[in-house]
Amino acid sequence: MKNIIQFSITNEDGVYTASGINAPIITDGKTFEDLEKNILEATSLYLEETKETYTKHPAIIANFEFNLPFYA
């Protein structure tokens, strides 16, 4: 079984924000590349805290949803 963690990503006032849709994870970054790194770090920390839930089914997929226009 795969666990999918979904994120909604917005870009407001020059800051990218990722909010977990089905997990309590929120992070941001000045660039999209910074945001990607921060999502990985925040997700890793979240999974460390909830490892009992995810060790039974270790396959995890991150799904990103972009609000257009994204690079405006």
N, C-alpha and C. Protein backbone atom coordinates (compact mmCIF):
# COMPACT_ATOMS: atom_id res chain seq x y z
N MET A 1 0.84 -1.19 0.00
CA MET A 1 0.00 0.00 0.00
C MET A 1 0.88 1.24 0.00
N LYS A 2 0.48 2.25 -0.76
CA LYS A 2 1.24 3.49 -0.83
C LYS A 2 0.53 4.56 0.00
N ASN A 3 1.33 5.39 0.64
CA ASN A 3 0.81 6.55 1.35
C ASN A 3 1.10 7.76 0.50
N ILE A 4 0.09 8.57 0.23
CA ILE A 4 0.27 9.75 -0.60
C ILE A 4 0.06 10.98 0.27
N ILE A 5 1.07 11.84 0.29
CA ILE A 5 0.96 13.11 1.00
C ILE A 5 0.81 14.18 -0.07
N GLN A 6 -0.30 14.90 -0.02
CA GLN A 6 -0.59 15.90 -1.04
C GLN A 6 -0.34 17.30 -0.48
N PHE A 7 0.15 18.20 -1.35
CA PHE A 7 0.41 19.58 -0.98
C PHE A 7 -0.27 20.52 -1.96
N SER A 8 -0.83 21.58 -1.44
CA SER A 8 -1.32 22.68 -2.25
C SER A 8 -0.29 23.79 -2.15
N ILE A 9 0.17 24.31 -3.29
CA ILE A 9 1.25 25.30 -3.31
C ILE A 9 0.73 26.61 -3.88
N THR A 10 1.00 27.69 -3.15
CA THR A 10 0.61 29.02 -3.61
C THR A 10 1.85 29.92 -3.65
N ASN A 11 1.74 30.99 -4.42
CA ASN A 11 2.81 31.98 -4.50
C ASN A 11 2.18 33.35 -4.27
N GLU A 12 2.38 33.89 -3.08
CA GLU A 12 1.82 35.19 -2.74
C GLU A 12 2.91 36.08 -2.20
N ASP A 13 2.96 37.30 -2.69
CA ASP A 13 3.95 38.29 -2.23
C ASP A 13 5.38 37.77 -2.34
N GLY A 14 5.66 36.98 -3.37
CA GLY A 14 7.00 36.48 -3.60
C GLY A 14 7.43 35.34 -2.70
N VAL A 15 6.48 34.74 -1.97
CA VAL A 15 6.79 33.62 -1.08
C VAL A 15 5.95 32.42 -1.51
N TYR A 16 6.61 31.29 -1.74
CA TYR A 16 5.92 30.04 -2.06
C TYR A 16 5.55 29.35 -0.75
N THR A 17 4.30 28.92 -0.63
CA THR A 17 3.83 28.24 0.56
C THR A 17 3.23 26.90 0.17
N ALA A 18 3.63 25.85 0.89
CA ALA A 18 3.08 24.52 0.67
C ALA A 18 2.31 24.11 1.92
N SER A 19 1.05 23.73 1.72
CA SER A 19 0.20 23.29 2.81
C SER A 19 -0.22 21.85 2.55
N GLY A 20 0.02 20.99 3.51
CA GLY A 20 -0.39 19.60 3.38
C GLY A 20 -1.90 19.50 3.34
N ILE A 21 -2.43 18.77 2.36
CA ILE A 21 -3.87 18.60 2.25
C ILE A 21 -4.34 17.50 3.19
N ASN A 22 -3.59 16.43 3.26
CA ASN A 22 -3.99 15.30 4.09
C ASN A 22 -2.96 14.98 5.18
N ALA A 23 -2.12 15.95 5.49
CA ALA A 23 -1.14 15.80 6.57
C ALA A 23 -0.88 17.20 7.14
N PRO A 24 -0.67 17.31 8.44
CA PRO A 24 -0.46 18.64 9.04
C PRO A 24 0.95 19.16 8.82
N ILE A 25 1.27 19.47 7.56
CA ILE A 25 2.60 19.96 7.19
C ILE A 25 2.43 21.28 6.45
N ILE A 26 3.12 22.32 6.93
CA ILE A 26 3.12 23.62 6.26
C ILE A 26 4.56 24.13 6.24
N THR A 27 5.00 24.62 5.08
CA THR A 27 6.34 25.17 4.95
C THR A 27 6.34 26.21 3.84
N ASP A 28 7.42 26.98 3.76
CA ASP A 28 7.50 27.99 2.71
C ASP A 28 8.93 28.16 2.24
N GLY A 29 9.10 28.97 1.18
CA GLY A 29 10.43 29.25 0.64
C GLY A 29 10.37 30.45 -0.28
N LYS A 30 11.50 31.16 -0.39
CA LYS A 30 11.56 32.33 -1.26
C LYS A 30 11.57 31.95 -2.74
N THR A 31 12.15 30.78 -3.06
CA THR A 31 12.15 30.27 -4.43
C THR A 31 11.49 28.90 -4.44
N PHE A 32 11.12 28.44 -5.64
CA PHE A 32 10.52 27.12 -5.73
C PHE A 32 11.51 26.03 -5.31
N GLU A 33 12.78 26.22 -5.63
CA GLU A 33 13.80 25.25 -5.24
C GLU A 33 13.93 25.19 -3.72
N ASP A 34 13.89 26.35 -3.06
CA ASP A 34 13.91 26.37 -1.58
C ASP A 34 12.68 25.66 -1.02
N LEU A 35 11.54 25.88 -1.66
CA LEU A 35 10.32 25.24 -1.20
C LEU A 35 10.43 23.73 -1.30
N GLU A 36 10.98 23.23 -2.41
CA GLU A 36 11.14 21.78 -2.57
C GLU A 36 11.98 21.20 -1.43
N LYS A 37 13.09 21.85 -1.13
CA LYS A 37 13.96 21.38 -0.04
C LYS A 37 13.22 21.41 1.29
N ASN A 38 12.47 22.49 1.52
CA ASN A 38 11.75 22.63 2.78
C ASN A 38 10.62 21.61 2.91
N ILE A 39 9.97 21.27 1.79
CA ILE A 39 8.93 20.23 1.82
C ILE A 39 9.54 18.90 2.22
N LEU A 40 10.69 18.57 1.61
CA LEU A 40 11.35 17.31 1.96
C LEU A 40 11.73 17.26 3.43
N GLU A 41 12.28 18.37 3.94
CA GLU A 41 12.68 18.41 5.34
C GLU A 41 11.46 18.33 6.28
N ALA A 42 10.43 19.11 5.99
CA ALA A 42 9.23 19.11 6.83
C ALA A 42 8.53 17.75 6.80
N THR A 43 8.48 17.13 5.63
CA THR A 43 7.86 15.81 5.51
C THR A 43 8.67 14.78 6.27
N SER A 44 9.98 14.86 6.18
CA SER A 44 10.85 13.94 6.92
C SER A 44 10.63 14.07 8.43
N LEU A 45 10.55 15.29 8.92
CA LEU A 45 10.31 15.50 10.35
C LEU A 45 8.93 14.98 10.76
N TYR A 46 7.94 15.21 9.92
CA TYR A 46 6.60 14.71 10.20
C TYR A 46 6.59 13.18 10.26
N LEU A 47 7.26 12.54 9.32
CA LEU A 47 7.28 11.08 9.29
C LEU A 47 8.06 10.50 10.47
N GLU A 48 9.10 11.21 10.93
CA GLU A 48 9.82 10.77 12.12
C GLU A 48 8.90 10.71 13.33
N GLU A 49 8.04 11.73 13.46
CA GLU A 49 7.11 11.80 14.59
C GLU A 49 6.00 10.78 14.49
N THR A 50 5.64 10.38 13.27
CA THR A 50 4.53 9.45 13.08
C THR A 50 5.00 8.14 12.48
N LYS A 51 6.24 7.75 12.77
CA LYS A 51 6.84 6.59 12.09
C LYS A 51 6.10 5.29 12.33
N GLU A 52 5.40 5.15 13.43
CA GLU A 52 4.67 3.91 13.67
C GLU A 52 3.58 3.71 12.62
N THR A 53 2.96 4.78 12.20
CA THR A 53 1.91 4.69 11.18
C THR A 53 2.48 4.30 9.83
N TYR A 54 3.66 4.85 9.48
CA TYR A 54 4.20 4.67 8.14
C TYR A 54 5.19 3.53 8.01
N THR A 55 5.65 2.93 9.11
CA THR A 55 6.59 1.82 8.97
C THR A 55 5.91 0.55 8.46
N LYS A 56 4.61 0.44 8.64
CA LYS A 56 3.89 -0.71 8.13
C LYS A 56 3.78 -0.66 6.61
N HIS A 57 3.72 0.55 6.06
CA HIS A 57 3.59 0.76 4.62
C HIS A 57 4.57 1.86 4.21
N PRO A 58 5.84 1.52 3.99
CA PRO A 58 6.86 2.55 3.80
C PRO A 58 6.87 3.30 2.47
N ALA A 59 6.13 2.88 1.46
CA ALA A 59 6.14 3.59 0.18
C ALA A 59 5.35 4.88 0.31
N ILE A 60 5.98 6.00 -0.01
CA ILE A 60 5.34 7.30 0.13
C ILE A 60 5.50 8.09 -1.16
N ILE A 61 4.44 8.74 -1.59
CA ILE A 61 4.45 9.57 -2.79
C ILE A 61 4.03 10.97 -2.37
N ALA A 62 4.75 11.98 -2.84
CA ALA A 62 4.35 13.37 -2.60
C ALA A 62 3.68 13.90 -3.86
N ASN A 63 2.53 14.49 -3.71
CA ASN A 63 1.76 15.01 -4.83
C ASN A 63 1.62 16.52 -4.64
N PHE A 64 1.99 17.31 -5.66
CA PHE A 64 1.93 18.75 -5.58
C PHE A 64 0.81 19.29 -6.46
N GLU A 65 0.04 20.23 -5.94
CA GLU A 65 -1.01 20.90 -6.71
C GLU A 65 -0.66 22.37 -6.80
N PHE A 66 -0.61 22.91 -8.01
CA PHE A 66 -0.24 24.30 -8.22
C PHE A 66 -1.45 25.14 -8.54
N ASN A 67 -1.53 26.31 -7.94
CA ASN A 67 -2.58 27.26 -8.28
C ASN A 67 -2.06 28.17 -9.38
N LEU A 68 -2.68 28.15 -10.56
CA LEU A 68 -2.24 28.92 -11.69
C LEU A 68 -2.76 30.35 -11.62
N PRO A 69 -2.09 31.34 -12.13
CA PRO A 69 -0.77 31.26 -12.73
C PRO A 69 0.31 31.19 -11.66
N PHE A 70 1.15 30.18 -11.75
CA PHE A 70 2.11 29.89 -10.71
C PHE A 70 3.33 30.79 -10.76
N TYR A 71 3.84 31.08 -11.94
CA TYR A 71 5.06 31.88 -12.07
C TYR A 71 4.73 33.32 -12.48
N ALA A 72 3.60 33.81 -12.07
CA ALA A 72 3.20 35.18 -12.45
C ALA A 72 3.98 36.22 -11.68
